[in-house]
Amino acid sequence: MTAAPFPPNSRYFGVPVVSRTGDDGTTEVYLARRILPAPDRHVPLGHRRIAGGERPDTLAHDAYGDPALWWRVVDADGAADPARLTDAEGRLVMIPLPLEITGHGPA
């Protein structure tokens, strides 16, 4: 197993690359499963009331200065579909501190 070649702002950063050799000798290389952190591990940086036309990446850009960190907001919400996070205007969404900062482990 080796570390995945993803940048630090990727939700796959630190997820191991694993391989499996089949009975026929072919090797499949893939990412190990990324286990989502439990929602109660997240500490709010703040909250945001959703306005029309917002997306998870715009929330992340406003909160962290990096739209690629959208997955942190989605993970904290527990939303299975990122688009559903912002589809209801007026919804209050938690913007979490990174888990690495809170001492609640890696994301």
C-alpha atoms as a PDB file:
ATOM      1  CA  MET A   1       0.000   0.000   0.000  1.00  0.00           C
ATOM      2  CA  THR A   2       1.154   3.505  -0.789  1.00  0.00           C
ATOM      3  CA  ALA A   3      -0.322   6.929  -0.170  1.00  0.00           C
ATOM      4  CA  ALA A   4      -2.630   8.176  -2.893  1.00  0.00           C
ATOM      5  CA  PRO A   5      -1.205  10.838  -5.191  1.00  0.00           C
ATOM      6  CA  PHE A   6      -3.724  13.545  -4.321  1.00  0.00           C
ATOM      7  CA  PRO A   7      -3.064  17.120  -3.166  1.00  0.00           C
ATOM      8  CA  PRO A   8      -3.638  18.070   0.496  1.00  0.00           C
ATOM      9  CA  ASN A   9      -6.977  19.767  -0.272  1.00  0.00           C
ATOM     10  CA  SER A  10      -8.414  16.596  -1.838  1.00  0.00           C
ATOM     11  CA  ARG A  11     -10.830  14.439   0.111  1.00  0.00           C
ATOM     12  CA  TYR A  12      -8.714  11.507  -1.052  1.00  0.00           C
ATOM     13  CA  PHE A  13      -5.447  12.861   0.367  1.00  0.00           C
ATOM     14  CA  GLY A  14      -3.919  10.185   2.571  1.00  0.00           C
ATOM     15  CA  VAL A  15      -6.264   7.446   1.351  1.00  0.00           C
ATOM     16  CA  PRO A  16      -4.062   4.471   0.539  1.00  0.00           C
ATOM     17  CA  VAL A  17      -3.711   2.988  -2.915  1.00  0.00           C
ATOM     18  CA  VAL A  18      -4.163  -0.761  -2.656  1.00  0.00           C
ATOM     19  CA  SER A  19      -4.003  -3.602  -5.097  1.00  0.00           C
ATOM     20  CA  ARG A  20      -5.483  -7.027  -5.494  1.00  0.00           C
ATOM     21  CA  THR A  21      -4.229  -9.831  -7.667  1.00  0.00           C
ATOM     22  CA  GLY A  22      -6.926 -11.966  -9.201  1.00  0.00           C
ATOM     23  CA  ASP A  23      -6.859 -15.711  -9.728  1.00  0.00           C
ATOM     24  CA  ASP A  24      -5.794 -15.099 -13.333  1.00  0.00           C
ATOM     25  CA  GLY A  25      -2.749 -13.089 -12.204  1.00  0.00           C
ATOM     26  CA  THR A  26      -4.029  -9.658 -13.209  1.00  0.00           C
ATOM     27  CA  THR A  27      -3.561  -6.892 -10.685  1.00  0.00           C
ATOM     28  CA  GLU A  28      -6.223  -4.285  -9.946  1.00  0.00           C
ATOM     29  CA  VAL A  29      -5.053  -1.038  -8.355  1.00  0.00           C
ATOM     30  CA  TYR A  30      -7.633   1.118  -6.569  1.00  0.00           C
ATOM     31  CA  LEU A  31      -8.169   3.473  -3.658  1.00  0.00           C
ATOM     32  CA  ALA A  32      -9.029   2.057  -0.279  1.00  0.00           C
ATOM     33  CA  ARG A  33     -12.404   3.001   1.096  1.00  0.00           C
ATOM     34  CA  ARG A  34     -12.613   6.490   2.566  1.00  0.00           C
ATOM     35  CA  ILE A  35     -14.634   6.245   5.754  1.00  0.00           C
ATOM     36  CA  LEU A  36     -16.653   9.381   6.363  1.00  0.00           C
ATOM     37  CA  PRO A  37     -16.167  10.952   9.771  1.00  0.00           C
ATOM     38  CA  ALA A  38     -19.162  10.857  12.101  1.00  0.00           C
ATOM     39  CA  PRO A  39     -21.055  14.170  11.972  1.00  0.00           C
ATOM     40  CA  ASP A  40     -20.661  14.656  15.745  1.00  0.00           C
ATOM     41  CA  ARG A  41     -16.877  14.914  15.314  1.00  0.00           C
ATOM     42  CA  HIS A  42     -17.264  18.250  13.522  1.00  0.00           C
ATOM     43  CA  VAL A  43     -16.849  21.570  15.337  1.00  0.00           C
ATOM     44  CA  PRO A  44     -18.486  24.610  13.754  1.00  0.00           C
ATOM     45  CA  LEU A  45     -16.365  27.384  12.340  1.00  0.00           C
ATOM     46  CA  GLY A  46     -19.694  29.057  11.677  1.00  0.00           C
ATOM     47  CA  HIS A  47     -23.020  28.602   9.964  1.00  0.00           C
ATOM     48  CA  ARG A  48     -24.323  29.846   6.647  1.00  0.00           C
ATOM     49  CA  ARG A  49     -27.897  30.399   5.561  1.00  0.00           C
ATOM     50  CA  ILE A  50     -28.217  29.216   1.965  1.00  0.00           C
ATOM     51  CA  ALA A  51     -29.119  31.842  -0.602  1.00  0.00           C
ATOM     52  CA  GLY A  52     -30.314  31.018  -4.097  1.00  0.00           C
ATOM     53  CA  GLY A  53     -27.743  29.623  -6.512  1.00  0.00           C
ATOM     54  CA  GLU A  54     -25.137  28.583  -3.957  1.00  0.00           C
ATOM     55  CA  ARG A  55     -23.184  25.371  -4.245  1.00  0.00           C
ATOM     56  CA  PRO A  56     -20.920  23.468  -1.836  1.00  0.00           C
ATOM     57  CA  ASP A  57     -17.838  24.753  -3.637  1.00  0.00           C
ATOM     58  CA  THR A  58     -18.919  28.382  -3.232  1.00  0.00           C
ATOM     59  CA  LEU A  59     -19.480  27.790   0.488  1.00  0.00           C
ATOM     60  CA  ALA A  60     -15.974  26.317   0.766  1.00  0.00           C
ATOM     61  CA  HIS A  61     -14.442  29.186  -1.179  1.00  0.00           C
ATOM     62  CA  ASP A  62     -16.081  31.753   1.086  1.00  0.00           C
ATOM     63  CA  ALA A  63     -15.161  29.885   4.287  1.00  0.00           C
ATOM     64  CA  TYR A  64     -11.720  28.475   3.502  1.00  0.00           C
ATOM     65  CA  GLY A  65     -10.573  30.367   0.414  1.00  0.00           C
ATOM     66  CA  ASP A  66     -10.450  27.086  -1.529  1.00  0.00           C
ATOM     67  CA  PRO A  67     -13.457  25.719  -3.448  1.00  0.00           C
ATOM     68  CA  ALA A  68     -11.823  22.274  -3.610  1.00  0.00           C
ATOM     69  CA  LEU A  69     -12.563  21.872   0.125  1.00  0.00           C
ATOM     70  CA  TRP A  70     -16.318  21.566  -0.543  1.00  0.00           C
ATOM     71  CA  TRP A  71     -16.201  18.000   0.740  1.00  0.00           C
ATOM     72  CA  ARG A  72     -15.515  19.224   4.309  1.00  0.00           C
ATOM     73  CA  VAL A  73     -18.882  21.003   4.381  1.00  0.00           C
ATOM     74  CA  VAL A  74     -20.668  18.018   2.842  1.00  0.00           C
ATOM     75  CA  ASP A  75     -19.006  15.553   5.251  1.00  0.00           C
ATOM     76  CA  ALA A  76     -20.035  17.647   8.264  1.00  0.00           C
ATOM     77  CA  ASP A  77     -23.619  17.724   7.051  1.00  0.00           C
ATOM     78  CA  GLY A  78     -23.720  13.999   6.372  1.00  0.00           C
ATOM     79  CA  ALA A  79     -25.308  14.667   2.980  1.00  0.00           C
ATOM     80  CA  ALA A  80     -25.069  11.710   0.622  1.00  0.00           C
ATOM     81  CA  ASP A  81     -25.603  13.972  -2.405  1.00  0.00           C
ATOM     82  CA  PRO A  82     -23.551  17.197  -2.376  1.00  0.00           C
ATOM     83  CA  ALA A  83     -26.126  18.969  -4.557  1.00  0.00           C
ATOM     84  CA  ARG A  84     -28.835  18.409  -1.923  1.00  0.00           C
ATOM     85  CA  LEU A  85     -26.809  20.360   0.638  1.00  0.00           C
ATOM     86  CA  THR A  86     -27.626  23.670  -1.017  1.00  0.00           C
ATOM     87  CA  ASP A  87     -30.864  22.943  -2.866  1.00  0.00           C
ATOM     88  CA  ALA A  88     -33.157  24.474  -0.210  1.00  0.00           C
ATOM     89  CA  GLU A  89     -32.921  28.236   0.000  1.00  0.00           C
ATOM     90  CA  GLY A  90     -32.901  29.404   3.606  1.00  0.00           C
ATOM     91  CA  ARG A  91     -31.391  26.188   4.968  1.00  0.00           C
ATOM     92  CA  LEU A  92     -28.787  26.653   7.699  1.00  0.00           C
ATOM     93  CA  VAL A  93     -25.559  24.781   6.941  1.00  0.00           C
ATOM     94  CA  MET A  94     -22.655  24.296   9.335  1.00  0.00           C
ATOM     95  CA  ILE A  95     -19.222  25.278   8.059  1.00  0.00           C
ATOM     96  CA  PRO A  96     -16.853  23.024  10.034  1.00  0.00           C
ATOM     97  CA  LEU A  97     -13.366  23.581  11.275  1.00  0.00           C
ATOM     98  CA  PRO A  98     -11.010  21.053   9.685  1.00  0.00           C
ATOM     99  CA  LEU A  99     -10.917  17.922  11.848  1.00  0.00           C
ATOM    100  CA  GLU A 100      -7.140  18.115  11.894  1.00  0.00           C
ATOM    101  CA  ILE A 101      -7.403  21.466  13.717  1.00  0.00           C
ATOM    102  CA  THR A 102     -10.000  20.350  16.250  1.00  0.00           C
ATOM    103  CA  GLY A 103      -7.966  17.354  17.358  1.00  0.00           C
ATOM    104  CA  HIS A 104     -10.748  14.991  16.229  1.00  0.00           C
ATOM    105  CA  GLY A 105      -8.497  13.098  13.857  1.00  0.00           C
ATOM    106  CA  PRO A 106      -7.872  13.192  10.135  1.00  0.00           C
ATOM    107  CA  ALA A 107     -10.634  13.914   7.667  1.00  0.00           C
END
